[in-house]
């Protein structure tokens, strides 16, 4: 059986925790529901590091020719905060980035979470992270090319943040 840390959204919402019930309840419930091993922090940090690297690349001259209107990578937060689903960021003048539409996904729904869950080892994790498409280049639709995390050389730093999250966690049920 493979379990990941529950999202804080349902824990503090009407759904309650994610540690099961009856004899199938996983313990210690309070630790599992609130931060557990810190895996979600690592996933969120890796996800948002990539977002920051995208915006920094564009700010520093955009050698990869990324079209800011075609960025598909979203930031994430471990809370179901509807207000952050669609935002405009980069306001405040040139030194604070380029204004563009952006948004946040909940951490458990992020592509980093999916990649982490599918990775078989650290090498596989790094390779999968490098293949993430973050957006597309300028040009007509037929001329646009995908830009990956590997093109930004982000996979090494992201893997470093996720190295401990890849390790298995051990918990038990009441049964």
N, C-alpha and C. Protein backbone atom coordinates (compact mmCIF):
# COMPACT_ATOMS: atom_id res chain seq x y z
N UNK A 1 0.85 -1.17 0.00
CA UNK A 1 0.00 0.00 0.00
C UNK A 1 0.89 1.23 0.00
N UNK A 2 0.51 2.23 -0.77
CA UNK A 2 1.24 3.49 -0.80
C UNK A 2 0.33 4.60 -0.32
N UNK A 3 0.78 5.35 0.66
CA UNK A 3 0.02 6.48 1.19
C UNK A 3 0.87 7.73 1.08
N UNK A 4 0.23 8.85 0.80
CA UNK A 4 0.92 10.14 0.84
C UNK A 4 0.28 10.95 1.95
N UNK A 5 0.95 11.99 2.34
CA UNK A 5 0.46 12.87 3.40
C UNK A 5 -0.85 13.52 2.99
N UNK A 6 -1.86 13.60 3.87
CA UNK A 6 -3.12 14.25 3.52
C UNK A 6 -2.95 15.76 3.35
N UNK A 7 -3.78 16.33 2.52
CA UNK A 7 -3.77 17.77 2.30
C UNK A 7 -4.40 18.48 3.49
N UNK A 8 -3.89 19.67 3.81
CA UNK A 8 -4.47 20.45 4.90
C UNK A 8 -5.85 20.98 4.57
N UNK A 9 -6.17 21.11 3.28
CA UNK A 9 -7.50 21.59 2.89
C UNK A 9 -8.62 20.78 3.51
N UNK A 10 -8.68 19.47 3.26
CA UNK A 10 -9.74 18.65 3.86
C UNK A 10 -9.62 18.54 5.38
N UNK A 11 -8.41 18.58 5.91
CA UNK A 11 -8.23 18.46 7.36
C UNK A 11 -8.95 19.59 8.09
N UNK A 12 -8.82 20.81 7.59
CA UNK A 12 -9.44 21.96 8.24
C UNK A 12 -10.79 22.31 7.63
N UNK A 13 -11.23 21.57 6.62
CA UNK A 13 -12.52 21.80 6.00
C UNK A 13 -13.57 20.89 6.61
N UNK A 14 -14.66 20.73 5.90
CA UNK A 14 -15.77 19.93 6.42
C UNK A 14 -15.54 18.43 6.27
N UNK A 15 -14.52 18.04 5.53
CA UNK A 15 -14.29 16.62 5.29
C UNK A 15 -13.56 15.93 6.44
N UNK A 16 -12.88 16.67 7.26
CA UNK A 16 -12.11 16.05 8.34
C UNK A 16 -10.77 15.58 7.83
N UNK A 17 -10.13 14.69 8.56
CA UNK A 17 -8.81 14.21 8.20
C UNK A 17 -8.81 13.14 7.14
N UNK A 18 -7.66 12.54 6.95
CA UNK A 18 -7.52 11.53 5.91
C UNK A 18 -6.81 10.30 6.46
N UNK A 19 -7.11 9.96 7.71
CA UNK A 19 -6.41 8.83 8.35
C UNK A 19 -7.31 7.61 8.52
N UNK A 20 -8.44 7.57 7.83
CA UNK A 20 -9.31 6.38 7.89
C UNK A 20 -10.18 6.36 9.12
N UNK A 21 -10.83 5.22 9.33
CA UNK A 21 -11.72 5.07 10.47
C UNK A 21 -11.80 3.63 10.93
N UNK A 22 -12.36 3.42 12.11
CA UNK A 22 -12.47 2.07 12.66
C UNK A 22 -11.10 1.44 12.83
N UNK A 23 -11.03 0.12 12.59
CA UNK A 23 -9.74 -0.57 12.70
C UNK A 23 -8.79 -0.22 11.57
N UNK A 24 -9.31 0.40 10.50
CA UNK A 24 -8.46 0.81 9.37
C UNK A 24 -7.83 2.18 9.60
N UNK A 25 -8.11 2.78 10.75
CA UNK A 25 -7.55 4.11 11.06
C UNK A 25 -6.04 4.02 11.18
N UNK A 26 -5.36 4.95 10.49
CA UNK A 26 -3.91 5.01 10.54
C UNK A 26 -3.51 5.92 11.70
N UNK A 27 -2.56 5.48 12.50
CA UNK A 27 -2.12 6.26 13.65
C UNK A 27 -0.61 6.51 13.57
N UNK A 28 -0.13 7.60 14.13
CA UNK A 28 -0.83 8.60 14.93
C UNK A 28 -1.55 9.62 14.04
N UNK A 29 -2.89 9.66 14.15
CA UNK A 29 -3.75 10.45 13.27
C UNK A 29 -3.37 11.93 13.26
N UNK A 30 -3.15 12.53 14.42
CA UNK A 30 -2.87 13.97 14.45
C UNK A 30 -1.56 14.30 13.75
N UNK A 31 -0.57 13.43 13.87
CA UNK A 31 0.70 13.67 13.18
C UNK A 31 0.55 13.48 11.68
N UNK A 32 -0.19 12.46 11.28
CA UNK A 32 -0.39 12.18 9.85
C UNK A 32 -1.17 13.32 9.20
N UNK A 33 -2.20 13.82 9.86
CA UNK A 33 -3.03 14.88 9.28
C UNK A 33 -2.36 16.25 9.28
N UNK A 34 -1.42 16.49 10.16
CA UNK A 34 -0.78 17.80 10.26
C UNK A 34 0.72 17.70 10.05
N UNK A 35 1.14 17.83 8.85
CA UNK A 35 2.55 17.90 8.42
C UNK A 35 3.26 16.57 8.29
N UNK A 36 2.88 15.55 9.04
CA UNK A 36 3.46 14.21 8.95
C UNK A 36 4.98 14.29 8.78
N UNK A 37 5.50 14.01 7.61
CA UNK A 37 6.95 13.99 7.40
C UNK A 37 7.47 15.27 6.76
N UNK A 38 6.58 16.16 6.39
CA UNK A 38 7.01 17.38 5.70
C UNK A 38 7.11 17.20 4.19
N UNK A 39 6.61 16.07 3.67
CA UNK A 39 6.67 15.83 2.23
C UNK A 39 5.98 16.94 1.44
N UNK A 40 4.83 17.41 1.93
CA UNK A 40 4.10 18.43 1.19
C UNK A 40 4.90 19.73 1.12
N UNK A 41 5.62 20.05 2.17
CA UNK A 41 6.46 21.25 2.13
C UNK A 41 7.50 21.11 1.03
N UNK A 42 8.11 19.94 0.92
CA UNK A 42 9.12 19.71 -0.11
C UNK A 42 8.52 19.79 -1.50
N UNK A 43 7.33 19.22 -1.68
CA UNK A 43 6.66 19.26 -2.97
C UNK A 43 6.31 20.70 -3.35
N UNK A 44 5.75 21.44 -2.40
CA UNK A 44 5.42 22.84 -2.65
C UNK A 44 6.66 23.67 -2.94
N UNK A 45 7.73 23.43 -2.21
CA UNK A 45 8.98 24.18 -2.43
C UNK A 45 9.55 23.89 -3.81
N UNK A 46 9.56 22.63 -4.23
CA UNK A 46 10.07 22.28 -5.56
C UNK A 46 9.19 22.90 -6.66
N UNK A 47 7.89 22.83 -6.47
CA UNK A 47 6.95 23.40 -7.43
C UNK A 47 7.16 24.91 -7.58
N UNK A 48 7.23 25.59 -6.45
CA UNK A 48 7.33 27.05 -6.48
C UNK A 48 8.73 27.53 -6.84
N UNK A 49 9.75 26.68 -6.62
CA UNK A 49 11.09 26.99 -7.10
C UNK A 49 11.07 27.06 -8.62
N UNK A 50 10.42 26.08 -9.25
CA UNK A 50 10.33 26.08 -10.71
C UNK A 50 9.59 27.33 -11.20
N UNK A 51 8.51 27.70 -10.53
CA UNK A 51 7.77 28.91 -10.91
C UNK A 51 8.67 30.15 -10.81
N UNK A 52 9.45 30.24 -9.75
CA UNK A 52 10.36 31.37 -9.58
C UNK A 52 11.45 31.37 -10.65
N UNK A 53 11.94 30.18 -11.01
CA UNK A 53 12.98 30.09 -12.04
C UNK A 53 12.44 30.51 -13.40
N UNK A 54 11.20 30.19 -13.69
CA UNK A 54 10.58 30.62 -14.95
C UNK A 54 10.54 32.15 -15.01
N UNK A 55 10.00 32.76 -13.97
CA UNK A 55 9.87 34.21 -13.96
C UNK A 55 11.24 34.90 -13.95
N UNK A 56 12.21 34.33 -13.24
CA UNK A 56 13.55 34.91 -13.21
C UNK A 56 14.21 34.80 -14.59
N UNK A 57 14.00 33.68 -15.26
CA UNK A 57 14.57 33.50 -16.60
C UNK A 57 14.04 34.59 -17.55
N UNK A 58 12.74 34.83 -17.49
CA UNK A 58 12.15 35.86 -18.34
C UNK A 58 12.70 37.24 -17.97
N UNK A 59 12.81 37.52 -16.68
CA UNK A 59 13.33 38.80 -16.20
C UNK A 59 14.78 39.01 -16.64
N UNK A 60 15.57 37.94 -16.65
CA UNK A 60 17.00 38.05 -16.96
C UNK A 60 17.30 38.05 -18.47
N UNK A 61 16.28 38.15 -19.32
CA UNK A 61 16.54 38.28 -20.75
C UNK A 61 15.80 37.28 -21.63
N UNK A 62 15.29 36.21 -21.04
CA UNK A 62 14.45 35.25 -21.75
C UNK A 62 15.16 34.59 -22.94
N UNK A 63 16.31 34.01 -22.70
CA UNK A 63 17.08 33.33 -23.75
C UNK A 63 16.31 32.18 -24.40
N UNK A 64 15.38 31.58 -23.67
CA UNK A 64 14.59 30.47 -24.22
C UNK A 64 13.37 30.94 -25.00
N UNK A 65 13.16 32.27 -25.06
CA UNK A 65 12.06 32.84 -25.85
C UNK A 65 10.68 32.39 -25.34
N UNK A 66 10.53 32.27 -24.02
CA UNK A 66 9.27 31.84 -23.41
C UNK A 66 8.23 32.95 -23.55
N UNK A 67 7.06 32.59 -24.06
CA UNK A 67 5.95 33.54 -24.17
C UNK A 67 5.23 33.58 -22.82
N UNK A 68 5.28 34.70 -22.09
CA UNK A 68 4.64 34.77 -20.77
C UNK A 68 3.14 34.47 -20.81
N UNK A 69 2.51 34.67 -21.95
CA UNK A 69 1.09 34.36 -22.09
C UNK A 69 0.84 32.87 -22.26
N UNK A 70 1.90 32.11 -22.50
CA UNK A 70 1.78 30.66 -22.75
C UNK A 70 2.43 29.83 -21.65
N UNK A 71 2.66 30.44 -20.48
CA UNK A 71 3.20 29.68 -19.35
C UNK A 71 2.07 28.84 -18.77
N UNK A 72 2.30 27.56 -18.68
CA UNK A 72 1.29 26.63 -18.17
C UNK A 72 1.56 26.22 -16.73
N UNK A 73 2.74 26.53 -16.23
CA UNK A 73 3.12 26.14 -14.86
C UNK A 73 2.49 27.07 -13.85
N UNK A 74 1.82 26.50 -12.86
CA UNK A 74 1.17 27.28 -11.80
C UNK A 74 1.88 27.04 -10.47
N UNK A 75 1.79 27.99 -9.61
CA UNK A 75 2.31 27.83 -8.25
C UNK A 75 1.36 26.92 -7.46
N UNK A 76 1.78 26.52 -6.26
CA UNK A 76 0.89 25.69 -5.45
C UNK A 76 0.98 26.10 -3.97
N UNK A 77 -0.06 25.75 -3.25
CA UNK A 77 -0.16 26.00 -1.82
C UNK A 77 -0.97 24.84 -1.23
N UNK A 78 -0.63 24.42 -0.03
CA UNK A 78 -1.34 23.28 0.57
C UNK A 78 -2.59 23.75 1.31
N UNK A 79 -3.46 24.39 0.59
CA UNK A 79 -4.73 24.85 1.15
C UNK A 79 -5.66 25.10 -0.04
N UNK A 80 -6.90 24.75 0.12
CA UNK A 80 -7.87 24.96 -0.95
C UNK A 80 -8.37 26.40 -0.85
N UNK A 81 -7.53 27.33 -1.29
CA UNK A 81 -7.83 28.76 -1.18
C UNK A 81 -8.35 29.27 -2.51
N UNK A 82 -9.67 29.32 -2.65
CA UNK A 82 -10.30 29.70 -3.91
C UNK A 82 -9.83 31.06 -4.44
N UNK A 83 -9.50 31.96 -3.54
CA UNK A 83 -9.09 33.31 -3.93
C UNK A 83 -7.79 33.30 -4.74
N UNK A 84 -6.99 32.25 -4.58
CA UNK A 84 -5.70 32.19 -5.27
C UNK A 84 -5.72 31.35 -6.54
N UNK A 85 -6.86 30.79 -6.91
CA UNK A 85 -6.91 29.94 -8.10
C UNK A 85 -6.50 30.68 -9.36
N UNK A 86 -6.91 31.93 -9.48
CA UNK A 86 -6.54 32.76 -10.63
C UNK A 86 -6.14 34.12 -10.10
N UNK A 87 -4.89 34.52 -10.40
CA UNK A 87 -4.37 35.79 -9.90
C UNK A 87 -3.62 36.50 -11.02
N UNK A 88 -3.36 37.78 -10.81
CA UNK A 88 -2.44 38.53 -11.65
C UNK A 88 -1.25 38.85 -10.77
N UNK A 89 -0.06 38.46 -11.21
CA UNK A 89 1.13 38.72 -10.40
C UNK A 89 2.15 39.53 -11.19
N UNK A 90 3.26 39.84 -10.57
CA UNK A 90 4.30 40.62 -11.21
C UNK A 90 4.02 42.11 -11.22
N UNK A 91 3.12 42.56 -10.35
CA UNK A 91 2.82 43.99 -10.27
C UNK A 91 3.87 44.69 -9.42
N UNK A 92 3.98 46.00 -9.56
CA UNK A 92 4.90 46.75 -8.71
C UNK A 92 6.13 47.26 -9.43
N UNK A 93 6.11 47.29 -10.73
CA UNK A 93 7.26 47.84 -11.46
C UNK A 93 8.20 46.77 -11.98
N UNK A 94 9.13 47.18 -12.83
CA UNK A 94 10.01 46.26 -13.54
C UNK A 94 10.80 45.32 -12.63
N UNK A 95 11.26 45.78 -11.50
CA UNK A 95 12.07 44.92 -10.63
C UNK A 95 11.26 43.83 -9.94
N UNK A 96 9.94 43.88 -10.05
CA UNK A 96 9.09 42.87 -9.42
C UNK A 96 8.47 41.91 -10.43
N UNK A 97 9.07 41.82 -11.60
CA UNK A 97 8.61 40.87 -12.61
C UNK A 97 7.71 41.49 -13.64
N UNK A 98 7.26 40.63 -14.56
CA UNK A 98 6.36 41.06 -15.64
C UNK A 98 4.94 40.69 -15.26
N UNK A 99 4.03 41.64 -15.28
CA UNK A 99 2.64 41.30 -14.95
C UNK A 99 2.09 40.23 -15.90
N UNK A 100 1.44 39.24 -15.32
CA UNK A 100 0.81 38.19 -16.12
C UNK A 100 -0.22 37.46 -15.29
N UNK A 101 -1.11 36.77 -15.99
CA UNK A 101 -2.09 35.94 -15.31
C UNK A 101 -1.40 34.69 -14.82
N UNK A 102 -1.76 34.26 -13.64
CA UNK A 102 -1.13 33.10 -13.02
C UNK A 102 -2.18 32.43 -12.14
N UNK A 103 -1.77 31.54 -11.28
CA UNK A 103 -2.71 30.92 -10.37
C UNK A 103 -2.02 29.89 -9.50
N UNK A 104 -2.77 29.40 -8.55
CA UNK A 104 -2.28 28.41 -7.60
C UNK A 104 -3.15 27.15 -7.69
N UNK A 105 -2.49 26.01 -7.59
CA UNK A 105 -3.17 24.73 -7.43
C UNK A 105 -2.92 24.25 -6.01
N UNK A 106 -3.75 23.35 -5.52
CA UNK A 106 -3.50 22.75 -4.22
C UNK A 106 -2.34 21.75 -4.40
N UNK A 107 -1.46 21.67 -3.45
CA UNK A 107 -0.23 20.89 -3.57
C UNK A 107 -0.49 19.46 -4.01
N UNK A 108 -1.52 18.82 -3.45
CA UNK A 108 -1.77 17.41 -3.81
C UNK A 108 -2.18 17.24 -5.26
N UNK A 109 -2.64 18.31 -5.91
CA UNK A 109 -3.04 18.23 -7.31
C UNK A 109 -1.93 18.70 -8.26
N UNK A 110 -0.75 18.95 -7.72
CA UNK A 110 0.34 19.47 -8.55
C UNK A 110 1.01 18.36 -9.35
N UNK A 111 1.64 18.77 -10.43
CA UNK A 111 2.37 17.80 -11.25
C UNK A 111 3.57 17.25 -10.50
N UNK A 112 4.16 18.03 -9.61
CA UNK A 112 5.29 17.55 -8.81
C UNK A 112 4.83 16.38 -7.95
N UNK A 113 3.65 16.45 -7.38
CA UNK A 113 3.11 15.34 -6.58
C UNK A 113 2.98 14.10 -7.44
N UNK A 114 2.45 14.25 -8.65
CA UNK A 114 2.30 13.10 -9.55
C UNK A 114 3.65 12.50 -9.91
N UNK A 115 4.60 13.35 -10.22
CA UNK A 115 5.95 12.88 -10.57
C UNK A 115 6.58 12.14 -9.40
N UNK A 116 6.45 12.70 -8.20
CA UNK A 116 7.01 12.05 -7.01
C UNK A 116 6.40 10.67 -6.80
N UNK A 117 5.10 10.58 -6.97
CA UNK A 117 4.41 9.30 -6.75
C UNK A 117 4.77 8.26 -7.81
N UNK A 118 5.12 8.68 -9.00
CA UNK A 118 5.45 7.74 -10.08
C UNK A 118 6.93 7.35 -10.11
N UNK A 119 7.78 8.16 -9.51
CA UNK A 119 9.22 7.93 -9.58
C UNK A 119 9.62 6.66 -8.84
N UNK A 120 10.49 5.89 -9.44
CA UNK A 120 10.95 4.63 -8.84
C UNK A 120 12.22 4.80 -8.01
N UNK A 121 12.99 5.83 -8.31
CA UNK A 121 14.21 6.11 -7.55
C UNK A 121 14.63 7.55 -7.84
N UNK A 122 15.73 7.98 -7.25
CA UNK A 122 16.15 9.38 -7.36
C UNK A 122 16.51 9.75 -8.79
N UNK A 123 17.13 8.83 -9.52
CA UNK A 123 17.50 9.09 -10.93
C UNK A 123 16.24 9.26 -11.77
N UNK A 124 15.27 8.37 -11.58
CA UNK A 124 14.01 8.46 -12.31
C UNK A 124 13.28 9.75 -11.96
N UNK A 125 13.31 10.15 -10.69
CA UNK A 125 12.67 11.39 -10.26
C UNK A 125 13.27 12.58 -11.01
N UNK A 126 14.58 12.65 -11.06
CA UNK A 126 15.26 13.77 -11.72
C UNK A 126 14.93 13.81 -13.21
N UNK A 127 14.90 12.64 -13.85
CA UNK A 127 14.58 12.58 -15.28
C UNK A 127 13.14 13.02 -15.53
N UNK A 128 12.22 12.57 -14.69
CA UNK A 128 10.81 12.96 -14.86
C UNK A 128 10.63 14.46 -14.64
N UNK A 129 11.31 15.01 -13.64
CA UNK A 129 11.22 16.45 -13.37
C UNK A 129 11.73 17.26 -14.56
N UNK A 130 12.79 16.80 -15.20
CA UNK A 130 13.36 17.54 -16.32
C UNK A 130 12.42 17.60 -17.52
N UNK A 131 11.50 16.64 -17.63
CA UNK A 131 10.58 16.57 -18.78
C UNK A 131 9.29 17.37 -18.59
N UNK A 132 9.10 17.98 -17.44
CA UNK A 132 7.89 18.76 -17.19
C UNK A 132 7.84 19.95 -18.15
N UNK A 133 6.72 20.08 -18.86
CA UNK A 133 6.53 21.23 -19.76
C UNK A 133 5.98 22.39 -18.94
N UNK A 134 6.67 23.53 -19.03
CA UNK A 134 6.29 24.71 -18.24
C UNK A 134 5.60 25.79 -19.06
N UNK A 135 5.69 25.67 -20.37
CA UNK A 135 5.10 26.68 -21.24
C UNK A 135 5.58 26.49 -22.66
N UNK A 136 5.35 27.54 -23.47
CA UNK A 136 5.69 27.46 -24.89
C UNK A 136 6.36 28.75 -25.34
N UNK A 137 7.10 28.66 -26.44
CA UNK A 137 7.82 29.81 -26.98
C UNK A 137 6.89 30.72 -27.76
N UNK A 138 7.40 31.92 -28.06
CA UNK A 138 6.67 32.86 -28.92
C UNK A 138 6.52 32.26 -30.32
N UNK A 139 5.56 32.73 -31.06
CA UNK A 139 5.39 32.34 -32.46
C UNK A 139 3.96 31.94 -32.77
N UNK A 140 3.72 31.70 -34.06
CA UNK A 140 2.43 31.19 -34.47
C UNK A 140 2.23 29.84 -33.81
N UNK A 141 0.99 29.41 -33.68
CA UNK A 141 0.69 28.14 -33.00
C UNK A 141 1.53 27.01 -33.56
N UNK A 142 1.69 26.95 -34.87
CA UNK A 142 2.45 25.87 -35.50
C UNK A 142 3.95 25.97 -35.24
N UNK A 143 4.42 27.16 -34.82
CA UNK A 143 5.85 27.39 -34.59
C UNK A 143 6.23 27.32 -33.11
N UNK A 144 5.24 27.31 -32.23
CA UNK A 144 5.53 27.31 -30.79
C UNK A 144 6.15 25.98 -30.39
N UNK A 145 7.18 26.05 -29.55
CA UNK A 145 7.84 24.85 -29.05
C UNK A 145 7.67 24.76 -27.55
N UNK A 146 7.51 23.54 -27.01
CA UNK A 146 7.41 23.41 -25.55
C UNK A 146 8.74 23.72 -24.88
N UNK A 147 8.65 24.31 -23.70
CA UNK A 147 9.82 24.60 -22.86
C UNK A 147 9.68 23.73 -21.62
N UNK A 148 10.76 23.06 -21.23
CA UNK A 148 10.72 22.13 -20.10
C UNK A 148 11.52 22.65 -18.91
N UNK A 149 11.31 22.01 -17.78
CA UNK A 149 12.10 22.32 -16.58
C UNK A 149 13.58 22.03 -16.85
N UNK A 150 13.85 21.01 -17.68
CA UNK A 150 15.22 20.70 -18.07
C UNK A 150 15.87 21.82 -18.86
N UNK A 151 15.09 22.49 -19.71
CA UNK A 151 15.62 23.63 -20.47
C UNK A 151 16.07 24.73 -19.53
N UNK A 152 15.40 24.85 -18.39
CA UNK A 152 15.76 25.86 -17.38
C UNK A 152 16.83 25.35 -16.40
N UNK A 153 17.22 24.08 -16.55
CA UNK A 153 18.19 23.43 -15.64
C UNK A 153 17.69 23.46 -14.20
N UNK A 154 16.40 23.21 -14.02
CA UNK A 154 15.77 23.27 -12.70
C UNK A 154 15.72 21.91 -12.01
N UNK A 155 15.89 20.82 -12.76
CA UNK A 155 15.65 19.49 -12.21
C UNK A 155 16.59 19.10 -11.07
N UNK A 156 17.83 19.57 -11.08
CA UNK A 156 18.77 19.24 -10.01
C UNK A 156 18.35 19.82 -8.67
N UNK A 157 18.03 21.10 -8.67
CA UNK A 157 17.60 21.76 -7.44
C UNK A 157 16.28 21.19 -6.94
N UNK A 158 15.36 20.91 -7.87
CA UNK A 158 14.07 20.34 -7.49
C UNK A 158 14.26 18.95 -6.88
N UNK A 159 15.13 18.16 -7.47
CA UNK A 159 15.41 16.82 -6.95
C UNK A 159 16.01 16.90 -5.55
N UNK A 160 16.89 17.85 -5.33
CA UNK A 160 17.50 18.02 -4.01
C UNK A 160 16.43 18.31 -2.95
N UNK A 161 15.44 19.13 -3.31
CA UNK A 161 14.36 19.43 -2.37
C UNK A 161 13.48 18.21 -2.09
N UNK A 162 13.39 17.30 -3.06
CA UNK A 162 12.48 16.15 -2.95
C UNK A 162 13.15 14.85 -2.51
N UNK A 163 14.45 14.86 -2.28
CA UNK A 163 15.17 13.61 -2.00
C UNK A 163 14.64 12.87 -0.78
N UNK A 164 14.28 13.58 0.27
CA UNK A 164 13.75 12.90 1.46
C UNK A 164 12.28 12.53 1.30
N UNK A 165 11.55 13.30 0.52
CA UNK A 165 10.13 13.00 0.30
C UNK A 165 9.97 11.70 -0.49
N UNK A 166 10.98 11.32 -1.23
CA UNK A 166 10.93 10.08 -2.02
C UNK A 166 11.04 8.83 -1.13
N UNK A 167 11.58 9.00 0.06
CA UNK A 167 11.76 7.86 0.96
C UNK A 167 10.41 7.38 1.49
N UNK A 168 10.30 6.09 1.78
CA UNK A 168 9.02 5.57 2.30
C UNK A 168 8.75 6.03 3.74
N UNK A 169 7.47 6.06 4.07
CA UNK A 169 7.03 6.42 5.42
C UNK A 169 6.39 5.18 6.04
N UNK A 170 6.55 4.99 7.33
CA UNK A 170 5.99 3.83 8.01
C UNK A 170 4.98 4.27 9.06
N UNK A 171 3.76 3.80 8.91
CA UNK A 171 2.69 4.03 9.90
C UNK A 171 1.96 2.72 10.10
N UNK A 172 1.02 2.69 11.03
CA UNK A 172 0.28 1.45 11.28
C UNK A 172 -1.20 1.76 11.47
N UNK A 173 -2.03 0.75 11.28
CA UNK A 173 -3.45 0.89 11.54
C UNK A 173 -3.73 0.41 12.97
N UNK A 174 -4.91 0.75 13.49
CA UNK A 174 -5.28 0.29 14.82
C UNK A 174 -5.40 -1.23 14.86
N UNK A 175 -5.78 -1.82 13.74
CA UNK A 175 -5.89 -3.28 13.69
C UNK A 175 -4.56 -3.93 13.96
